[in-house]
Amino acid sequence: MSAHAARAGSDPHKLGHGEVPVSERGPAPKRIVVSYGFWIFLLSDFIMFATFFAGYAVLVSATAGGPRGADLFELKLVAWETAALLLSSFACGMAGVAAMARNIRWFQIGMAATALLGAAFLAMELYEFAHLIGEGAGPSRSAFLSAFFALVGCHGLHVALGLIWLTTMMAQVWAKGFRADIERRVQCSMLFWHALDIIWVALFTVVYLLGAGAAA
């Protein structure tokens, strides 16, 4: 009996006994390496945002006699921003379903809807920033506003980068189809976009809802 047959016979239920040792299996498949690396990147991004949230929590009361969040935030506008970003996440999810079905047409439609809603979110955020600066509430006015612009602006920058990434994926799928490497990039880009939505929900709650509630 060969060594391979002996190993197979000793592990009829594939419980792991008799398998080739991990050290002898060679390098991991590329999809595993890419997924592992991307998760490390995503977790490091969450850690970075956690430091911004911590800085904001420390400086939220450091207004230097200037306006507080309750005096500045327009919750109606922020609610529209939130709706646009959450809807973009839904559209991105539908694009993911189309990608699994390898339907290029509906994938492109879902990604285009995601990009348009993300662009609408960015436009509203830029309007909010311009409005605050026009009222003399720019980032140099107080430590509170510096922390606010840093946190919200960092998220906005990520959304802008996410839009570039999504549109790049649209172009690659259109030109080359759902090749294995392109499919991996598409999955990573979608995961990144959904992560931005999670961060925004936390930001909306901590910065805007709690900040507006501080009026009382």
Protein backbone atom coordinates (compact mmCIF):
# COMPACT_ATOMS: atom_id res chain seq x y z
CA MET A 1 0.00 0.00 0.00
CA SER A 2 1.35 3.47 -0.91
CA ALA A 3 1.92 6.20 1.65
CA HIS A 4 -0.87 8.30 0.11
CA ALA A 5 -3.34 5.41 0.32
CA ALA A 6 -2.32 4.75 3.89
CA ARG A 7 -2.99 8.38 4.78
CA ALA A 8 -6.35 8.32 3.02
CA GLY A 9 -7.32 5.09 4.74
CA SER A 10 -6.40 6.45 8.14
CA ASP A 11 -8.64 9.49 7.64
CA PRO A 12 -11.86 8.25 5.96
CA HIS A 13 -13.91 11.19 7.26
CA LYS A 14 -11.34 13.86 6.30
CA LEU A 15 -10.85 15.04 9.87
CA GLY A 16 -7.31 16.16 9.24
CA HIS A 17 -5.34 13.07 10.28
CA GLY A 18 -2.73 12.00 7.79
CA GLU A 19 -2.84 15.22 5.77
CA VAL A 20 0.27 16.79 4.29
CA PRO A 21 1.83 19.09 6.95
CA VAL A 22 1.19 22.79 6.46
CA SER A 23 4.89 23.44 6.08
CA GLU A 24 4.97 21.15 3.04
CA ARG A 25 1.94 22.52 1.18
CA GLY A 26 3.74 25.38 -0.53
CA PRO A 27 2.55 29.00 -0.77
CA ALA A 28 -1.10 29.86 -0.11
CA PRO A 29 -3.38 30.56 -3.09
CA LYS A 30 -3.33 34.15 -4.29
CA ARG A 31 -6.95 34.75 -3.31
CA ILE A 32 -6.07 33.85 0.30
CA VAL A 33 -3.07 36.16 0.33
CA VAL A 34 -5.05 39.04 -1.19
CA SER A 35 -7.97 38.55 1.22
CA TYR A 36 -5.68 38.39 4.24
CA GLY A 37 -3.78 41.50 3.18
CA PHE A 38 -6.94 43.43 2.49
CA TRP A 39 -8.43 42.59 5.89
CA ILE A 40 -5.24 43.83 7.54
CA PHE A 41 -5.57 47.08 5.57
CA LEU A 42 -9.25 47.43 6.51
CA LEU A 43 -8.62 46.80 10.20
CA SER A 44 -5.78 49.35 10.19
CA ASP A 45 -8.22 51.84 8.66
CA PHE A 46 -10.71 51.18 11.47
CA ILE A 47 -7.93 51.75 14.00
CA MET A 48 -7.08 55.07 12.35
CA PHE A 49 -10.70 56.19 12.52
CA ALA A 50 -10.84 55.09 16.17
CA THR A 51 -8.02 57.54 16.94
CA PHE A 52 -9.93 60.32 15.16
CA PHE A 53 -13.05 59.48 17.18
CA ALA A 54 -11.01 59.51 20.38
CA GLY A 55 -9.52 62.89 19.50
CA TYR A 56 -12.97 64.29 18.77
CA ALA A 57 -14.32 62.96 22.08
CA VAL A 58 -11.52 64.71 23.95
CA LEU A 59 -11.87 68.03 22.09
CA VAL A 60 -15.64 68.23 21.63
CA SER A 61 -15.97 70.69 24.52
CA ALA A 62 -12.93 72.78 23.56
CA THR A 63 -14.91 75.43 21.69
CA ALA A 64 -12.76 78.40 22.84
CA GLY A 65 -15.92 80.41 23.32
CA GLY A 66 -17.06 79.63 19.79
CA PRO A 67 -20.07 77.71 18.48
CA ARG A 68 -20.86 74.17 19.55
CA GLY A 69 -22.14 71.41 17.36
CA ALA A 70 -25.69 72.16 18.46
CA ASP A 71 -25.30 75.68 17.07
CA LEU A 72 -23.95 74.51 13.71
CA PHE A 73 -25.27 71.13 12.64
CA GLU A 74 -28.22 70.95 10.25
CA LEU A 75 -29.64 67.52 10.93
CA LYS A 76 -31.96 67.66 7.91
CA LEU A 77 -28.98 68.02 5.57
CA VAL A 78 -27.04 65.31 7.41
CA ALA A 79 -30.06 63.01 7.21
CA TRP A 80 -30.04 63.42 3.42
CA GLU A 81 -26.32 62.64 3.39
CA THR A 82 -26.96 59.51 5.44
CA ALA A 83 -29.79 58.38 3.19
CA ALA A 84 -27.64 58.83 0.08
CA LEU A 85 -24.75 56.83 1.53
CA LEU A 86 -26.95 54.01 2.86
CA LEU A 87 -28.76 53.74 -0.46
CA SER A 88 -25.38 53.61 -2.20
CA SER A 89 -24.48 50.65 0.00
CA PHE A 90 -27.69 48.90 -1.05
CA ALA A 91 -26.91 49.57 -4.73
CA CYS A 92 -23.38 48.25 -4.17
CA GLY A 93 -24.85 45.09 -2.68
CA MET A 94 -27.07 44.63 -5.74
CA ALA A 95 -24.00 45.06 -7.94
CA GLY A 96 -22.36 42.32 -5.89
CA VAL A 97 -25.31 40.00 -6.55
CA ALA A 98 -24.99 40.76 -10.28
CA ALA A 99 -21.26 40.02 -10.10
CA MET A 100 -21.97 36.62 -8.53
CA ALA A 101 -24.38 35.94 -11.41
CA ARG A 102 -21.73 37.27 -13.84
CA ASN A 103 -24.24 39.70 -15.30
CA ILE A 104 -22.13 42.59 -16.58
CA ARG A 105 -25.09 44.81 -17.50
CA TRP A 106 -26.71 44.80 -14.05
CA PHE A 107 -23.32 44.98 -12.38
CA GLN A 108 -22.61 48.21 -14.26
CA ILE A 109 -26.06 49.59 -13.41
CA GLY A 110 -25.59 48.82 -9.71
CA MET A 111 -22.12 50.32 -9.62
CA ALA A 112 -23.26 53.42 -11.52
CA ALA A 113 -26.06 53.94 -8.97
CA THR A 114 -23.52 53.48 -6.17
CA ALA A 115 -21.21 56.07 -7.71
CA LEU A 116 -23.99 58.61 -8.29
CA LEU A 117 -25.29 58.32 -4.72
CA GLY A 118 -21.74 58.51 -3.36
CA ALA A 119 -21.12 61.64 -5.43
CA ALA A 120 -24.35 63.15 -4.09
CA PHE A 121 -23.14 62.45 -0.55
CA LEU A 122 -19.83 64.17 -1.26
CA ALA A 123 -21.55 67.18 -2.83
CA MET A 124 -23.73 67.67 0.26
CA GLU A 125 -20.74 67.28 2.55
CA LEU A 126 -18.75 69.86 0.60
CA TYR A 127 -21.72 72.22 0.80
CA GLU A 128 -21.84 71.70 4.56
CA PHE A 129 -18.13 72.45 4.91
CA ALA A 130 -18.37 75.55 2.72
CA HIS A 131 -21.37 76.77 4.71
CA LEU A 132 -19.59 76.33 8.05
CA ILE A 133 -16.45 78.06 6.83
CA GLY A 134 -18.55 80.89 5.41
CA GLU A 135 -20.07 81.41 8.86
CA GLY A 136 -16.61 81.69 10.42
CA ALA A 137 -16.71 78.16 11.82
CA GLY A 138 -13.69 76.80 9.97
CA PRO A 139 -11.19 74.30 11.36
CA SER A 140 -8.97 77.06 12.77
CA ARG A 141 -11.78 78.53 14.92
CA SER A 142 -11.42 76.06 17.80
CA ALA A 143 -10.03 72.67 18.74
CA PHE A 144 -13.56 71.27 18.52
CA LEU A 145 -13.92 72.38 14.91
CA SER A 146 -10.43 71.15 14.06
CA ALA A 147 -11.38 67.69 15.35
CA PHE A 148 -14.73 67.83 13.54
CA PHE A 149 -13.23 68.74 10.16
CA ALA A 150 -10.46 66.15 10.59
CA LEU A 151 -12.86 63.31 11.39
CA VAL A 152 -15.61 64.09 8.89
CA GLY A 153 -13.13 65.21 6.24
CA CYS A 154 -11.11 62.00 6.57
CA HIS A 155 -14.27 59.99 5.96
CA GLY A 156 -15.13 62.18 2.96
CA LEU A 157 -11.67 61.61 1.53
CA HIS A 158 -12.18 57.86 1.86
CA VAL A 159 -15.50 58.15 0.03
CA ALA A 160 -13.78 60.05 -2.80
CA LEU A 161 -11.09 57.36 -3.04
CA GLY A 162 -13.80 54.69 -2.93
CA LEU A 163 -15.55 56.34 -5.88
CA ILE A 164 -12.33 56.26 -7.90
CA TRP A 165 -11.88 52.60 -7.01
CA LEU A 166 -15.47 51.67 -7.92
CA THR A 167 -15.35 53.42 -11.28
CA THR A 168 -12.01 51.75 -12.02
CA MET A 169 -13.63 48.38 -11.34
CA MET A 170 -16.49 49.27 -13.69
CA ALA A 171 -13.98 49.97 -16.45
CA GLN A 172 -12.02 46.77 -15.82
CA VAL A 173 -15.11 44.56 -15.80
CA TRP A 174 -16.37 46.24 -18.96
CA ALA A 175 -13.05 45.66 -20.73
CA LYS A 176 -12.05 42.23 -19.39
CA GLY A 177 -15.13 40.67 -17.80
CA PHE A 178 -15.18 38.80 -14.50
CA ARG A 179 -11.67 37.43 -14.61
CA ALA A 180 -10.51 35.85 -11.34
CA ASP A 181 -8.14 38.69 -10.41
CA ILE A 182 -10.69 41.36 -11.33
CA GLU A 183 -13.38 39.58 -9.33
CA ARG A 184 -11.10 39.69 -6.26
CA ARG A 185 -10.59 43.44 -6.72
CA VAL A 186 -14.32 43.99 -7.11
CA GLN A 187 -15.03 42.13 -3.88
CA CYS A 188 -12.40 44.15 -2.02
CA SER A 189 -13.75 47.45 -3.37
CA MET A 190 -17.29 46.55 -2.30
CA LEU A 191 -16.15 45.54 1.16
CA PHE A 192 -14.31 48.86 1.47
CA TRP A 193 -17.47 50.75 0.47
CA HIS A 194 -19.62 48.92 3.01
CA ALA A 195 -17.00 49.63 5.70
CA LEU A 196 -17.33 53.36 4.95
CA ASP A 197 -21.06 53.09 5.59
CA ILE A 198 -20.44 51.47 8.97
CA ILE A 199 -18.03 54.25 9.91
CA TRP A 200 -20.54 56.89 8.78
CA VAL A 201 -23.31 55.42 10.96
CA ALA A 202 -20.98 55.72 13.97
CA LEU A 203 -19.97 59.23 12.90
CA PHE A 204 -23.58 60.31 12.38
CA THR A 205 -24.49 59.05 15.85
CA VAL A 206 -21.49 60.31 17.81
CA VAL A 207 -20.89 63.64 16.06
CA TYR A 208 -24.23 64.83 14.75
CA LEU A 209 -26.96 63.25 16.87
CA LEU A 210 -25.13 63.59 20.19
CA GLY A 211 -23.80 67.01 19.17
CA ALA A 212 -27.25 68.33 18.32
CA GLY A 213 -28.66 66.78 21.49
CA ALA A 214 -26.16 68.76 23.55
CA ALA A 215 -28.24 71.88 22.85
CA ALA A 216 -30.49 71.06 25.73
